[in-house]
N, C-alpha and C. Protein backbone atom coordinates (compact mmCIF):
# COMPACT_ATOMS: atom_id res chain seq x y z
N UNK A 1 41.29 38.02 42.62
CA UNK A 1 41.29 37.01 41.61
C UNK A 1 40.04 36.13 41.68
N UNK A 2 39.60 35.79 42.83
CA UNK A 2 38.46 34.91 42.98
C UNK A 2 37.21 35.57 42.39
N UNK A 3 37.07 36.85 42.51
CA UNK A 3 35.89 37.55 41.97
C UNK A 3 35.92 37.52 40.44
N UNK A 4 37.06 37.62 39.83
CA UNK A 4 37.15 37.62 38.38
C UNK A 4 36.71 36.26 37.83
N UNK A 5 37.17 35.15 38.40
CA UNK A 5 36.75 33.83 37.95
C UNK A 5 35.26 33.62 38.16
N UNK A 6 34.74 34.12 39.23
CA UNK A 6 33.32 33.97 39.54
C UNK A 6 32.48 34.70 38.49
N UNK A 7 32.88 35.89 38.09
CA UNK A 7 32.14 36.65 37.07
C UNK A 7 32.25 35.97 35.71
N UNK A 8 33.40 35.40 35.38
CA UNK A 8 33.56 34.72 34.09
C UNK A 8 32.67 33.49 34.00
N UNK A 9 32.53 32.76 35.09
CA UNK A 9 31.65 31.60 35.09
C UNK A 9 30.20 32.03 34.89
N UNK A 10 29.81 33.10 35.45
CA UNK A 10 28.44 33.62 35.28
C UNK A 10 28.20 34.07 33.85
N UNK A 11 29.18 34.72 33.26
CA UNK A 11 29.05 35.16 31.86
C UNK A 11 28.95 33.96 30.91
N UNK A 12 29.72 32.93 31.19
CA UNK A 12 29.69 31.74 30.35
C UNK A 12 28.32 31.07 30.44
N UNK A 13 27.73 31.04 31.63
CA UNK A 13 26.41 30.44 31.80
C UNK A 13 25.35 31.24 31.05
N UNK A 14 25.42 32.55 31.13
CA UNK A 14 24.47 33.41 30.42
C UNK A 14 24.62 33.22 28.91
N UNK A 15 25.85 33.15 28.43
CA UNK A 15 26.10 32.94 26.99
C UNK A 15 25.56 31.58 26.56
N UNK A 16 25.77 30.55 27.35
CA UNK A 16 25.27 29.21 27.04
C UNK A 16 23.75 29.20 26.99
N UNK A 17 23.11 29.82 27.95
CA UNK A 17 21.64 29.89 27.96
C UNK A 17 21.14 30.66 26.73
N UNK A 18 21.80 31.75 26.38
CA UNK A 18 21.42 32.55 25.22
C UNK A 18 21.48 31.73 23.94
N UNK A 19 22.60 31.00 23.72
CA UNK A 19 22.73 30.19 22.51
C UNK A 19 21.76 29.00 22.51
N UNK A 20 21.50 28.44 23.66
CA UNK A 20 20.53 27.34 23.74
C UNK A 20 19.14 27.84 23.37
N UNK A 21 18.79 29.02 23.83
CA UNK A 21 17.49 29.62 23.53
C UNK A 21 17.37 29.90 22.02
N UNK A 22 18.41 30.43 21.42
CA UNK A 22 18.39 30.70 19.97
C UNK A 22 18.26 29.38 19.21
N UNK A 23 18.97 28.34 19.64
CA UNK A 23 18.88 27.03 18.99
C UNK A 23 17.47 26.47 19.07
N UNK A 24 16.85 26.59 20.22
CA UNK A 24 15.48 26.09 20.40
C UNK A 24 14.51 26.86 19.49
N UNK A 25 14.66 28.17 19.40
CA UNK A 25 13.78 28.98 18.56
C UNK A 25 13.94 28.62 17.09
N UNK A 26 15.18 28.50 16.63
CA UNK A 26 15.42 28.15 15.22
C UNK A 26 14.88 26.76 14.91
N UNK A 27 15.13 25.81 15.78
CA UNK A 27 14.64 24.44 15.57
C UNK A 27 13.12 24.40 15.55
N UNK A 28 12.49 25.09 16.48
CA UNK A 28 11.03 25.12 16.54
C UNK A 28 10.45 25.75 15.27
N UNK A 29 11.07 26.82 14.79
CA UNK A 29 10.61 27.47 13.57
C UNK A 29 10.73 26.53 12.38
N UNK A 30 11.81 25.80 12.29
CA UNK A 30 12.01 24.86 11.19
C UNK A 30 10.97 23.75 11.23
N UNK A 31 10.65 23.26 12.41
CA UNK A 31 9.65 22.20 12.54
C UNK A 31 8.28 22.72 12.13
N UNK A 32 7.92 23.92 12.56
CA UNK A 32 6.62 24.51 12.19
C UNK A 32 6.54 24.69 10.69
N UNK A 33 7.60 25.16 10.05
CA UNK A 33 7.61 25.35 8.60
C UNK A 33 7.47 24.01 7.88
N UNK A 34 8.13 22.97 8.37
CA UNK A 34 8.03 21.65 7.74
C UNK A 34 6.60 21.11 7.84
N UNK A 35 5.97 21.28 8.98
CA UNK A 35 4.59 20.81 9.16
C UNK A 35 3.64 21.57 8.25
N UNK A 36 3.82 22.88 8.15
CA UNK A 36 2.97 23.71 7.29
C UNK A 36 3.14 23.32 5.83
N UNK A 37 4.37 23.17 5.39
CA UNK A 37 4.62 22.80 3.99
C UNK A 37 4.09 21.41 3.69
N UNK A 38 4.21 20.50 4.62
CA UNK A 38 3.70 19.14 4.43
C UNK A 38 2.19 19.17 4.22
N UNK A 39 1.49 19.97 5.00
CA UNK A 39 0.04 20.10 4.85
C UNK A 39 -0.34 20.70 3.51
N UNK A 40 0.42 21.70 3.07
CA UNK A 40 0.14 22.34 1.78
C UNK A 40 0.37 21.38 0.63
N UNK A 41 1.43 20.60 0.71
CA UNK A 41 1.73 19.62 -0.34
C UNK A 41 0.63 18.58 -0.42
N UNK A 42 0.14 18.14 0.72
CA UNK A 42 -0.94 17.15 0.75
C UNK A 42 -2.20 17.72 0.10
N UNK A 43 -2.51 18.96 0.38
CA UNK A 43 -3.68 19.61 -0.21
C UNK A 43 -3.55 19.70 -1.72
N UNK A 44 -2.41 20.13 -2.20
CA UNK A 44 -2.19 20.23 -3.64
C UNK A 44 -2.28 18.86 -4.29
N UNK A 45 -1.69 17.86 -3.67
CA UNK A 45 -1.72 16.51 -4.24
C UNK A 45 -3.14 15.97 -4.32
N UNK A 46 -3.94 16.19 -3.29
CA UNK A 46 -5.32 15.70 -3.33
C UNK A 46 -6.13 16.43 -4.40
N UNK A 47 -5.86 17.72 -4.59
CA UNK A 47 -6.52 18.46 -5.67
C UNK A 47 -6.13 17.92 -7.03
N UNK A 48 -4.85 17.62 -7.22
CA UNK A 48 -4.39 17.03 -8.48
C UNK A 48 -4.99 15.65 -8.70
N UNK A 49 -5.10 14.87 -7.63
CA UNK A 49 -5.70 13.54 -7.75
C UNK A 49 -7.17 13.65 -8.14
N UNK A 50 -7.89 14.62 -7.58
CA UNK A 50 -9.30 14.83 -7.94
C UNK A 50 -9.42 15.22 -9.40
N UNK A 51 -8.48 16.02 -9.90
CA UNK A 51 -8.48 16.40 -11.31
C UNK A 51 -8.24 15.16 -12.19
N UNK A 52 -7.33 14.30 -11.78
CA UNK A 52 -7.07 13.06 -12.54
C UNK A 52 -8.31 12.17 -12.58
N UNK A 53 -9.03 12.11 -11.48
CA UNK A 53 -10.27 11.32 -11.44
C UNK A 53 -11.29 11.92 -12.41
N UNK A 54 -11.40 13.26 -12.43
CA UNK A 54 -12.32 13.92 -13.36
C UNK A 54 -11.93 13.63 -14.81
N UNK A 55 -10.63 13.67 -15.11
CA UNK A 55 -10.17 13.35 -16.47
C UNK A 55 -10.49 11.91 -16.84
N UNK A 56 -10.33 11.00 -15.91
CA UNK A 56 -10.66 9.60 -16.17
C UNK A 56 -12.15 9.46 -16.47
N UNK A 57 -12.96 10.22 -15.75
CA UNK A 57 -14.40 10.20 -16.01
C UNK A 57 -14.73 10.68 -17.42
N UNK A 58 -14.04 11.75 -17.86
CA UNK A 58 -14.25 12.27 -19.22
C UNK A 58 -13.85 11.22 -20.25
N UNK A 59 -12.69 10.61 -20.06
CA UNK A 59 -12.22 9.60 -21.02
C UNK A 59 -13.17 8.41 -21.08
N UNK A 60 -13.69 8.01 -19.92
CA UNK A 60 -14.67 6.93 -19.88
C UNK A 60 -15.92 7.33 -20.65
N UNK A 61 -16.38 8.56 -20.45
CA UNK A 61 -17.59 9.02 -21.14
C UNK A 61 -17.39 9.06 -22.65
N UNK A 62 -16.22 9.49 -23.10
CA UNK A 62 -15.96 9.53 -24.53
C UNK A 62 -16.00 8.12 -25.13
N UNK A 63 -15.41 7.16 -24.45
CA UNK A 63 -15.46 5.78 -24.93
C UNK A 63 -16.88 5.24 -24.95
N UNK A 64 -17.63 5.54 -23.89
CA UNK A 64 -19.02 5.07 -23.82
C UNK A 64 -19.86 5.69 -24.93
N UNK A 65 -19.62 6.97 -25.22
CA UNK A 65 -20.38 7.63 -26.29
C UNK A 65 -20.08 7.03 -27.66
N UNK A 66 -18.85 6.63 -27.87
CA UNK A 66 -18.51 5.97 -29.13
C UNK A 66 -19.26 4.65 -29.29
N UNK A 67 -19.44 3.95 -28.21
CA UNK A 67 -20.14 2.67 -28.24
C UNK A 67 -21.65 2.82 -28.22
N UNK A 68 -22.11 3.87 -27.50
CA UNK A 68 -23.54 4.06 -27.32
C UNK A 68 -23.84 5.57 -27.34
N UNK A 69 -24.27 6.13 -28.46
CA UNK A 69 -24.50 7.58 -28.55
C UNK A 69 -25.58 8.11 -27.61
N UNK A 70 -26.38 7.23 -27.01
CA UNK A 70 -27.42 7.70 -26.08
C UNK A 70 -26.96 7.64 -24.62
N UNK A 71 -25.69 7.42 -24.38
CA UNK A 71 -25.12 7.38 -23.02
C UNK A 71 -25.36 8.72 -22.33
N UNK A 72 -25.84 8.68 -21.08
CA UNK A 72 -26.16 9.92 -20.35
C UNK A 72 -25.33 10.15 -19.10
N UNK A 73 -24.48 9.19 -18.74
CA UNK A 73 -23.62 9.40 -17.58
C UNK A 73 -23.78 8.34 -16.52
N UNK A 74 -22.96 8.48 -15.48
CA UNK A 74 -22.95 7.52 -14.38
C UNK A 74 -22.07 8.04 -13.25
N UNK A 75 -22.07 7.32 -12.15
CA UNK A 75 -21.12 7.56 -11.07
C UNK A 75 -20.12 6.42 -11.14
N UNK A 76 -18.85 6.79 -11.32
CA UNK A 76 -17.81 5.80 -11.58
C UNK A 76 -16.76 5.84 -10.47
N UNK A 77 -16.58 4.73 -9.73
CA UNK A 77 -15.51 4.72 -8.73
C UNK A 77 -14.15 4.56 -9.42
N UNK A 78 -13.21 5.44 -9.05
CA UNK A 78 -11.86 5.40 -9.62
C UNK A 78 -10.87 5.54 -8.47
N UNK A 79 -10.16 4.47 -8.19
CA UNK A 79 -9.19 4.51 -7.09
C UNK A 79 -9.86 4.87 -5.78
N UNK A 80 -9.34 5.93 -5.13
CA UNK A 80 -9.90 6.40 -3.86
C UNK A 80 -11.00 7.42 -4.06
N UNK A 81 -11.36 7.73 -5.30
CA UNK A 81 -12.33 8.77 -5.57
C UNK A 81 -13.47 8.28 -6.43
N UNK A 82 -14.32 9.23 -6.80
CA UNK A 82 -15.44 8.93 -7.69
C UNK A 82 -15.54 10.03 -8.74
N UNK A 83 -15.95 9.62 -9.92
CA UNK A 83 -16.21 10.57 -11.00
C UNK A 83 -17.71 10.53 -11.26
N UNK A 84 -18.35 11.68 -11.14
CA UNK A 84 -19.76 11.79 -11.46
C UNK A 84 -19.85 12.39 -12.85
N UNK A 85 -20.37 11.61 -13.78
CA UNK A 85 -20.36 11.99 -15.19
C UNK A 85 -21.79 12.28 -15.64
N UNK A 86 -21.97 13.39 -16.34
CA UNK A 86 -23.27 13.68 -16.95
C UNK A 86 -23.04 14.10 -18.39
N UNK A 87 -23.92 13.61 -19.27
CA UNK A 87 -23.82 13.90 -20.70
C UNK A 87 -25.17 14.44 -21.15
N UNK A 88 -25.15 15.60 -21.80
CA UNK A 88 -26.37 16.20 -22.33
C UNK A 88 -26.16 16.57 -23.79
N UNK A 89 -27.26 16.73 -24.50
CA UNK A 89 -27.20 17.14 -25.90
C UNK A 89 -27.43 15.98 -26.84
N UNK A 90 -27.68 16.32 -28.11
CA UNK A 90 -27.91 15.29 -29.12
C UNK A 90 -26.73 15.24 -30.09
N UNK A 91 -26.65 16.20 -31.00
CA UNK A 91 -25.52 16.22 -31.93
C UNK A 91 -24.29 16.81 -31.25
N UNK A 92 -24.49 17.92 -30.55
CA UNK A 92 -23.40 18.50 -29.76
C UNK A 92 -23.57 18.02 -28.33
N UNK A 93 -22.62 17.27 -27.86
CA UNK A 93 -22.68 16.68 -26.52
C UNK A 93 -21.85 17.52 -25.55
N UNK A 94 -22.42 17.77 -24.38
CA UNK A 94 -21.70 18.43 -23.29
C UNK A 94 -21.49 17.39 -22.20
N UNK A 95 -20.24 17.11 -21.92
CA UNK A 95 -19.88 16.10 -20.92
C UNK A 95 -19.26 16.83 -19.73
N UNK A 96 -19.81 16.59 -18.57
CA UNK A 96 -19.25 17.16 -17.34
C UNK A 96 -18.86 16.01 -16.42
N UNK A 97 -17.62 16.05 -15.97
CA UNK A 97 -17.13 15.04 -15.03
C UNK A 97 -16.63 15.75 -13.79
N UNK A 98 -17.18 15.35 -12.64
CA UNK A 98 -16.75 15.90 -11.35
C UNK A 98 -15.97 14.82 -10.61
N UNK A 99 -14.67 15.05 -10.48
CA UNK A 99 -13.82 14.11 -9.75
C UNK A 99 -13.76 14.52 -8.29
N UNK A 100 -13.98 13.56 -7.42
CA UNK A 100 -14.00 13.87 -5.99
C UNK A 100 -13.15 12.85 -5.23
N UNK A 101 -12.25 13.40 -4.40
CA UNK A 101 -11.48 12.58 -3.46
C UNK A 101 -11.56 13.29 -2.11
N UNK A 102 -12.18 12.62 -1.16
CA UNK A 102 -12.36 13.25 0.16
C UNK A 102 -13.16 14.54 0.03
N UNK A 103 -12.60 15.64 0.51
CA UNK A 103 -13.27 16.92 0.45
C UNK A 103 -12.95 17.70 -0.81
N UNK A 104 -12.08 17.17 -1.65
CA UNK A 104 -11.61 17.90 -2.82
C UNK A 104 -12.40 17.47 -4.06
N UNK A 105 -12.84 18.47 -4.83
CA UNK A 105 -13.59 18.20 -6.05
C UNK A 105 -13.08 19.10 -7.17
N UNK A 106 -12.87 18.51 -8.33
CA UNK A 106 -12.48 19.26 -9.54
C UNK A 106 -13.41 18.83 -10.65
N UNK A 107 -13.76 19.76 -11.53
CA UNK A 107 -14.69 19.47 -12.61
C UNK A 107 -14.07 19.80 -13.96
N UNK A 108 -14.40 18.98 -14.94
CA UNK A 108 -13.97 19.20 -16.31
C UNK A 108 -15.21 19.15 -17.20
N UNK A 109 -15.28 20.08 -18.15
CA UNK A 109 -16.38 20.09 -19.11
C UNK A 109 -15.80 19.93 -20.51
N UNK A 110 -16.36 19.00 -21.26
CA UNK A 110 -15.93 18.74 -22.62
C UNK A 110 -17.13 18.90 -23.54
N UNK A 111 -16.89 19.57 -24.66
CA UNK A 111 -17.91 19.68 -25.69
C UNK A 111 -17.43 18.85 -26.88
N UNK A 112 -18.33 18.02 -27.38
CA UNK A 112 -17.99 17.15 -28.51
C UNK A 112 -19.18 17.08 -29.46
N UNK A 113 -18.87 16.88 -30.72
CA UNK A 113 -19.94 16.69 -31.71
C UNK A 113 -19.92 15.23 -32.16
N UNK A 114 -21.13 14.71 -32.33
CA UNK A 114 -21.27 13.33 -32.78
C UNK A 114 -22.08 13.34 -34.07
N UNK A 115 -21.41 13.06 -35.18
CA UNK A 115 -22.10 13.02 -36.48
C UNK A 115 -21.46 11.95 -37.34
N UNK A 116 -22.29 11.19 -38.05
CA UNK A 116 -21.83 10.13 -38.95
C UNK A 116 -20.89 9.14 -38.23
N UNK A 117 -21.27 8.77 -37.02
CA UNK A 117 -20.50 7.84 -36.20
C UNK A 117 -19.08 8.32 -35.90
N UNK A 118 -18.87 9.63 -35.93
CA UNK A 118 -17.57 10.21 -35.59
C UNK A 118 -17.77 11.17 -34.42
N UNK A 119 -17.01 10.98 -33.36
CA UNK A 119 -17.06 11.85 -32.18
C UNK A 119 -15.84 12.76 -32.21
N UNK A 120 -16.09 14.07 -32.27
CA UNK A 120 -15.01 15.05 -32.35
C UNK A 120 -15.06 15.96 -31.13
N UNK A 121 -13.98 16.00 -30.36
CA UNK A 121 -13.90 16.88 -29.19
C UNK A 121 -13.57 18.29 -29.68
N UNK A 122 -14.40 19.26 -29.29
CA UNK A 122 -14.19 20.64 -29.72
C UNK A 122 -13.70 21.54 -28.58
N UNK A 123 -13.94 21.15 -27.34
CA UNK A 123 -13.48 21.96 -26.20
C UNK A 123 -13.25 21.04 -25.01
N UNK A 124 -12.24 21.38 -24.21
CA UNK A 124 -11.89 20.60 -23.01
C UNK A 124 -11.38 21.61 -21.98
N UNK A 125 -12.19 21.93 -20.98
CA UNK A 125 -11.83 22.95 -20.00
C UNK A 125 -12.18 22.51 -18.59
N UNK A 126 -11.37 22.97 -17.64
CA UNK A 126 -11.72 22.79 -16.25
C UNK A 126 -12.75 23.85 -15.89
N UNK A 127 -13.79 23.45 -15.19
CA UNK A 127 -14.83 24.40 -14.81
C UNK A 127 -14.62 24.82 -13.37
N UNK A 128 -14.91 26.08 -13.07
CA UNK A 128 -14.75 26.53 -11.66
C UNK A 128 -15.82 25.89 -10.78
N UNK A 129 -15.47 25.75 -9.52
CA UNK A 129 -16.41 25.13 -8.56
C UNK A 129 -17.44 26.12 -8.10
């Protein structure tokens, strides 16, 4: 009888260690996945923020062009980022705004025509980096 109880106690210890090991592995995997997803979400958010900065730069340029048709661009601080705006052309204006936050940069190019004091946007596209 004593040998049977001794073996059962050993089996219970092995089973406990086995389940503890599985719990540690599952928990560690979940933590690694959470950290990875958190980093990816941060990257996507900063890219979206850079795009918003670029859009703000475009909107600023359109307003400036309405007030002053000879506007050529500027570097505009917006929140935590900057929009670098350049405007080229005479009747057909090409406006490029590069929004930058940290290491992330997104660019938007807008084509607009300016005739008879009317500014008409004809194209609005994100440009590849």
